[in-house]
Structures are given as structure tokens and as C-alpha cells.
Amino acid sequence: MKDFETLERRVRRSSRRDVFFQNAGLGGMLLLLAAIPGIDVYRTWAGLQAEKKQWTIAGPPCPVVDRPQLSVVGHKPPKTFTYNKVSFTRHLGDVSCSAFREDGFMNPDSYSVCQFSGPGAVTVQAPGETVTFQPGPGRRTTVTVRKGEVSCVVAGWFARRPRGYTMRE
């Protein structure tokens, strides 16, 4: 009889231990299932914040004019493109644009930032506003359209690609 009681205690002890470790293992698996997507969400958010910081350019404001001076922009026909429902017209150089979401959780609003490698002059047609900036030839320029307001600074990191440049994979 004594052997039976000892055996019963051992079984009961081991079954409690088994239940504890099974629950701990299940909890660990659930933690991993939640952590893996959480890490991916954080990495995406951190990457977007870094890109937004890179595109936030500070510098002196661009001069505003009624229309571009031919002595500054030359006789080449202007190039017009539309980005994020805003029309941009430049006379010289290349352009690179990016759009970012406004701050706030699940905020659907976005704003646009375009960098020009040396436009001479840029005319921006946003809903309800048309502005012509003339930073001068060869000067990097950044135009931001945020909440319908257009701003421009004479600064930026975007530069024209050298002639003969080809992208490689």
C-alpha cells in the first residue's frame, strides 16, 4: 500500500510539473507569434521616420517672383509634371519627389517634398495657390507642399546624375 501512495505522489508531482512546462511553452510560443510581426512593424515605422528626417531640409527661403526671368532660366521650354495632385514646372535640372503621411495614428493626409538639382525657377500649382520661386541656376532647391501651403528653401542633397550613368542591378 505504501508503494502505491509513493507512486501516486510521484505521478501527481510530475503531472503538475508537466502542466507548468506545457503552459510555459505555450506562453513562449504565443509571445514569439506576437513579437515577430511587432518587430516588422517597428522596423517599417523606423525606416519611414528616418526617410522623413532625410527629406526634411532646412535652408534660406527661395526668392518669389511673378514670372521666371529669361536671363536666369534660358530659352529651353519648361518641363511640367504632376505629383500628388500638385503641378510643378521647372526649366533646368532634374527632380526627385517623395510623399509622406502627416503625423498621427492612422492619419490619411500626406504631404509632398520635391528636390530639384538646379531648376533656375520652379512654378508650383497647388489647389488654390500658384507660386513661382527663382533660386537661380545651379542651386539645389527643395519645395514642400503641406496642407495646401507651398514653401521652398535653397538647399537639398539631390544632384543630377552624371552623363553616361547607367543603373546596375
C-alpha atoms as a PDB file:
ATOM      1  CA  MET A   1       0.000   0.000   0.000  1.00  0.00           C
ATOM      2  CA  LYS A   2       2.843   2.313   0.856  1.00  0.00           C
ATOM      3  CA  ASP A   3       4.418   1.771  -2.550  1.00  0.00           C
ATOM      4  CA  PHE A   4       1.172   2.688  -4.222  1.00  0.00           C
ATOM      5  CA  GLU A   5       0.919   6.006  -2.291  1.00  0.00           C
ATOM      6  CA  THR A   6       4.513   6.929  -3.129  1.00  0.00           C
ATOM      7  CA  LEU A   7       3.911   6.138  -6.759  1.00  0.00           C
ATOM      8  CA  GLU A   8       0.742   8.230  -6.726  1.00  0.00           C
ATOM      9  CA  ARG A   9       2.626  11.220  -5.213  1.00  0.00           C
ATOM     10  CA  ARG A  10       5.344  10.954  -7.850  1.00  0.00           C
ATOM     11  CA  VAL A  11       2.795  10.836 -10.648  1.00  0.00           C
ATOM     12  CA  ARG A  12       0.920  13.810  -9.214  1.00  0.00           C
ATOM     13  CA  ARG A  13       4.167  15.804  -8.809  1.00  0.00           C
ATOM     14  CA  SER A  14       5.326  15.029 -12.324  1.00  0.00           C
ATOM     15  CA  SER A  15       1.933  15.831 -13.817  1.00  0.00           C
ATOM     16  CA  ARG A  16       1.932  19.276 -12.115  1.00  0.00           C
ATOM     17  CA  ARG A  17       5.427  19.870 -13.442  1.00  0.00           C
ATOM     18  CA  ASP A  18       4.352  18.776 -16.913  1.00  0.00           C
ATOM     19  CA  VAL A  19       1.358  21.110 -16.878  1.00  0.00           C
ATOM     20  CA  PHE A  20       3.571  24.019 -15.773  1.00  0.00           C
ATOM     21  CA  PHE A  21       6.113  23.419 -18.543  1.00  0.00           C
ATOM     22  CA  GLN A  22       3.400  22.889 -21.158  1.00  0.00           C
ATOM     23  CA  ASN A  23       1.812  26.217 -20.218  1.00  0.00           C
ATOM     24  CA  ALA A  24       5.197  27.954 -20.152  1.00  0.00           C
ATOM     25  CA  GLY A  25       5.997  26.568 -23.621  1.00  0.00           C
ATOM     26  CA  LEU A  26       2.610  27.639 -24.961  1.00  0.00           C
ATOM     27  CA  GLY A  27       3.085  31.125 -23.477  1.00  0.00           C
ATOM     28  CA  GLY A  28       6.530  31.373 -25.065  1.00  0.00           C
ATOM     29  CA  MET A  29       5.142  30.381 -28.466  1.00  0.00           C
ATOM     30  CA  LEU A  30       2.364  32.982 -28.194  1.00  0.00           C
ATOM     31  CA  LEU A  31       4.938  35.609 -27.228  1.00  0.00           C
ATOM     32  CA  LEU A  32       7.010  34.754 -30.311  1.00  0.00           C
ATOM     33  CA  LEU A  33       3.929  34.857 -32.542  1.00  0.00           C
ATOM     34  CA  ALA A  34       3.194  38.386 -31.319  1.00  0.00           C
ATOM     35  CA  ALA A  35       6.824  39.593 -31.305  1.00  0.00           C
ATOM     36  CA  ILE A  36       7.733  38.671 -34.884  1.00  0.00           C
ATOM     37  CA  PRO A  37       5.077  40.890 -36.554  1.00  0.00           C
ATOM     38  CA  GLY A  38       5.691  43.564 -33.903  1.00  0.00           C
ATOM     39  CA  ILE A  39       9.370  43.706 -34.817  1.00  0.00           C
ATOM     40  CA  ASP A  40       8.487  44.014 -38.511  1.00  0.00           C
ATOM     41  CA  VAL A  41       6.023  46.839 -37.816  1.00  0.00           C
ATOM     42  CA  TYR A  42       8.656  48.678 -35.757  1.00  0.00           C
ATOM     43  CA  ARG A  43      11.327  48.278 -38.451  1.00  0.00           C
ATOM     44  CA  THR A  44       8.940  49.660 -41.095  1.00  0.00           C
ATOM     45  CA  TRP A  45       7.982  52.614 -38.886  1.00  0.00           C
ATOM     46  CA  ALA A  46      11.623  53.378 -38.008  1.00  0.00           C
ATOM     47  CA  GLY A  47      12.608  53.274 -41.698  1.00  0.00           C
ATOM     48  CA  LEU A  48       9.829  55.695 -42.640  1.00  0.00           C
ATOM     49  CA  GLN A  49      10.818  58.069 -39.836  1.00  0.00           C
ATOM     50  CA  ALA A  50      14.447  58.014 -40.996  1.00  0.00           C
ATOM     51  CA  GLU A  51      13.397  58.733 -44.591  1.00  0.00           C
ATOM     52  CA  LYS A  52      11.123  61.573 -43.464  1.00  0.00           C
ATOM     53  CA  LYS A  53      14.010  63.080 -41.481  1.00  0.00           C
ATOM     54  CA  GLN A  54      16.290  62.812 -44.522  1.00  0.00           C
ATOM     55  CA  TRP A  55      13.756  64.703 -46.659  1.00  0.00           C
ATOM     56  CA  THR A  56      13.254  67.480 -44.072  1.00  0.00           C
ATOM     57  CA  ILE A  57      15.557  70.154 -45.485  1.00  0.00           C
ATOM     58  CA  ALA A  58      16.414  73.448 -43.789  1.00  0.00           C
ATOM     59  CA  GLY A  59      17.855  76.441 -45.575  1.00  0.00           C
ATOM     60  CA  PRO A  60      17.242  80.024 -46.656  1.00  0.00           C
ATOM     61  CA  PRO A  61      13.872  80.675 -48.326  1.00  0.00           C
ATOM     62  CA  CYS A  62      13.692  80.872 -52.117  1.00  0.00           C
ATOM     63  CA  PRO A  63      13.021  84.259 -53.732  1.00  0.00           C
ATOM     64  CA  VAL A  64       9.428  84.564 -55.014  1.00  0.00           C
ATOM     65  CA  VAL A  65       8.861  86.211 -58.420  1.00  0.00           C
ATOM     66  CA  ASP A  66       5.844  86.906 -60.634  1.00  0.00           C
ATOM     67  CA  ARG A  67       7.346  85.037 -63.578  1.00  0.00           C
ATOM     68  CA  PRO A  68      10.763  83.481 -64.311  1.00  0.00           C
ATOM     69  CA  GLN A  69      13.369  85.775 -65.865  1.00  0.00           C
ATOM     70  CA  LEU A  70      14.697  84.564 -69.214  1.00  0.00           C
ATOM     71  CA  SER A  71      18.226  85.568 -68.217  1.00  0.00           C
ATOM     72  CA  VAL A  72      18.048  83.010 -65.379  1.00  0.00           C
ATOM     73  CA  VAL A  73      16.174  80.108 -66.987  1.00  0.00           C
ATOM     74  CA  GLY A  74      17.374  80.394 -70.581  1.00  0.00           C
ATOM     75  CA  HIS A  75      15.356  79.656 -73.705  1.00  0.00           C
ATOM     76  CA  LYS A  76      14.656  75.968 -73.116  1.00  0.00           C
ATOM     77  CA  PRO A  77      10.974  75.115 -72.917  1.00  0.00           C
ATOM     78  CA  PRO A  78       9.799  74.418 -69.357  1.00  0.00           C
ATOM     79  CA  LYS A  79       9.087  70.867 -68.180  1.00  0.00           C
ATOM     80  CA  THR A  80       5.854  70.306 -66.247  1.00  0.00           C
ATOM     81  CA  PHE A  81       4.867  67.264 -64.211  1.00  0.00           C
ATOM     82  CA  THR A  82       2.187  66.462 -61.652  1.00  0.00           C
ATOM     83  CA  TYR A  83       2.969  64.772 -58.359  1.00  0.00           C
ATOM     84  CA  ASN A  84       0.404  64.062 -55.634  1.00  0.00           C
ATOM     85  CA  LYS A  85      -2.189  66.390 -57.257  1.00  0.00           C
ATOM     86  CA  VAL A  86       0.290  69.300 -57.443  1.00  0.00           C
ATOM     87  CA  SER A  87       1.749  70.614 -60.718  1.00  0.00           C
ATOM     88  CA  PHE A  88       5.447  71.545 -60.848  1.00  0.00           C
ATOM     89  CA  THR A  89       7.132  73.400 -63.727  1.00  0.00           C
ATOM     90  CA  ARG A  90      10.917  73.631 -63.919  1.00  0.00           C
ATOM     91  CA  HIS A  91      13.220  74.941 -66.626  1.00  0.00           C
ATOM     92  CA  LEU A  92      16.515  73.199 -65.882  1.00  0.00           C
ATOM     93  CA  GLY A  93      17.891  70.207 -63.984  1.00  0.00           C
ATOM     94  CA  ASP A  94      16.410  67.017 -62.614  1.00  0.00           C
ATOM     95  CA  VAL A  95      13.889  66.349 -59.865  1.00  0.00           C
ATOM     96  CA  SER A  96      13.173  63.733 -57.200  1.00  0.00           C
ATOM     97  CA  CYS A  97       9.938  63.693 -55.172  1.00  0.00           C
ATOM     98  CA  SER A  98       8.594  61.809 -52.195  1.00  0.00           C
ATOM     99  CA  ALA A  99       5.299  61.824 -50.289  1.00  0.00           C
ATOM    100  CA  PHE A 100       4.943  61.332 -46.539  1.00  0.00           C
ATOM    101  CA  ARG A 101       2.000  60.821 -44.214  1.00  0.00           C
ATOM    102  CA  GLU A 102       1.244  63.531 -41.705  1.00  0.00           C
ATOM    103  CA  ASP A 103       1.972  62.661 -38.082  1.00  0.00           C
ATOM    104  CA  GLY A 104      -0.759  60.975 -36.080  1.00  0.00           C
ATOM    105  CA  PHE A 105      -2.105  57.468 -35.763  1.00  0.00           C
ATOM    106  CA  MET A 106      -3.956  56.398 -38.924  1.00  0.00           C
ATOM    107  CA  ASN A 107      -3.897  59.955 -40.354  1.00  0.00           C
ATOM    108  CA  PRO A 108      -4.783  59.677 -44.082  1.00  0.00           C
ATOM    109  CA  ASP A 109      -3.332  63.109 -45.005  1.00  0.00           C
ATOM    110  CA  SER A 110       0.005  63.314 -46.786  1.00  0.00           C
ATOM    111  CA  TYR A 111       2.396  65.987 -47.993  1.00  0.00           C
ATOM    112  CA  SER A 112       4.885  66.174 -50.853  1.00  0.00           C
ATOM    113  CA  VAL A 113       8.544  67.131 -50.954  1.00  0.00           C
ATOM    114  CA  CYS A 114      10.386  67.632 -54.265  1.00  0.00           C
ATOM    115  CA  GLN A 115      14.094  68.306 -54.618  1.00  0.00           C
ATOM    116  CA  PHE A 116      15.442  69.958 -57.745  1.00  0.00           C
ATOM    117  CA  SER A 117      19.088  69.723 -58.811  1.00  0.00           C
ATOM    118  CA  GLY A 118      19.231  73.279 -60.173  1.00  0.00           C
ATOM    119  CA  PRO A 119      15.918  74.376 -61.677  1.00  0.00           C
ATOM    120  CA  GLY A 120      16.588  78.069 -62.267  1.00  0.00           C
ATOM    121  CA  ALA A 121      12.920  78.657 -61.455  1.00  0.00           C
ATOM    122  CA  VAL A 122      10.065  76.465 -60.203  1.00  0.00           C
ATOM    123  CA  THR A 123       6.369  77.229 -60.590  1.00  0.00           C
ATOM    124  CA  VAL A 124       4.118  75.270 -58.232  1.00  0.00           C
ATOM    125  CA  GLN A 125       0.371  74.982 -58.798  1.00  0.00           C
ATOM    126  CA  ALA A 126      -1.251  73.616 -55.649  1.00  0.00           C
ATOM    127  CA  PRO A 127      -5.025  73.636 -55.158  1.00  0.00           C
ATOM    128  CA  GLY A 128      -5.868  77.299 -54.609  1.00  0.00           C
ATOM    129  CA  GLU A 129      -2.304  78.643 -54.902  1.00  0.00           C
ATOM    130  CA  THR A 130       0.245  79.260 -57.669  1.00  0.00           C
ATOM    131  CA  VAL A 131       3.755  80.373 -56.697  1.00  0.00           C
ATOM    132  CA  THR A 132       6.931  80.894 -58.738  1.00  0.00           C
ATOM    133  CA  PHE A 133      10.268  80.541 -56.972  1.00  0.00           C
ATOM    134  CA  GLN A 134      13.531  81.620 -58.576  1.00  0.00           C
ATOM    135  CA  PRO A 135      16.518  80.322 -56.592  1.00  0.00           C
ATOM    136  CA  GLY A 136      18.856  80.777 -59.538  1.00  0.00           C
ATOM    137  CA  PRO A 137      20.593  78.312 -61.857  1.00  0.00           C
ATOM    138  CA  GLY A 138      22.667  75.506 -60.396  1.00  0.00           C
ATOM    139  CA  ARG A 139      21.278  75.907 -56.868  1.00  0.00           C
ATOM    140  CA  ARG A 140      19.703  72.855 -55.252  1.00  0.00           C
ATOM    141  CA  THR A 141      16.136  73.604 -54.266  1.00  0.00           C
ATOM    142  CA  THR A 142      13.570  71.817 -52.074  1.00  0.00           C
ATOM    143  CA  VAL A 143       9.838  72.538 -52.425  1.00  0.00           C
ATOM    144  CA  THR A 144       7.370  71.267 -49.812  1.00  0.00           C
ATOM    145  CA  VAL A 145       3.586  71.283 -50.263  1.00  0.00           C
ATOM    146  CA  ARG A 146       1.930  70.678 -46.900  1.00  0.00           C
ATOM    147  CA  LYS A 147      -1.764  71.246 -46.118  1.00  0.00           C
ATOM    148  CA  GLY A 148      -2.130  73.328 -49.283  1.00  0.00           C
ATOM    149  CA  GLU A 149       0.749  75.669 -48.380  1.00  0.00           C
ATOM    150  CA  VAL A 150       3.808  75.814 -50.636  1.00  0.00           C
ATOM    151  CA  SER A 151       7.268  76.504 -49.211  1.00  0.00           C
ATOM    152  CA  CYS A 152      10.718  76.495 -50.790  1.00  0.00           C
ATOM    153  CA  VAL A 153      14.283  76.516 -49.463  1.00  0.00           C
ATOM    154  CA  VAL A 154      17.587  76.859 -51.301  1.00  0.00           C
ATOM    155  CA  ALA A 155      19.140  73.617 -50.051  1.00  0.00           C
ATOM    156  CA  GLY A 156      18.982  69.870 -50.635  1.00  0.00           C
ATOM    157  CA  TRP A 157      21.039  66.766 -51.249  1.00  0.00           C
ATOM    158  CA  PHE A 158      19.608  65.649 -54.607  1.00  0.00           C
ATOM    159  CA  ALA A 159      22.040  66.093 -57.509  1.00  0.00           C
ATOM    160  CA  ARG A 160      21.891  65.430 -61.215  1.00  0.00           C
ATOM    161  CA  ARG A 161      23.261  62.100 -62.402  1.00  0.00           C
ATOM    162  CA  PRO A 162      26.436  62.367 -64.461  1.00  0.00           C
ATOM    163  CA  ARG A 163      26.153  61.891 -68.229  1.00  0.00           C
ATOM    164  CA  GLY A 164      26.501  58.280 -69.284  1.00  0.00           C
ATOM    165  CA  TYR A 165      25.316  56.985 -65.888  1.00  0.00           C
ATOM    166  CA  THR A 166      23.534  53.649 -66.112  1.00  0.00           C
ATOM    167  CA  MET A 167      21.844  51.852 -63.243  1.00  0.00           C
ATOM    168  CA  ARG A 168      23.207  48.431 -62.413  1.00  0.00           C
ATOM    169  CA  GLU A 169      21.401  45.621 -60.681  1.00  0.00           C
END
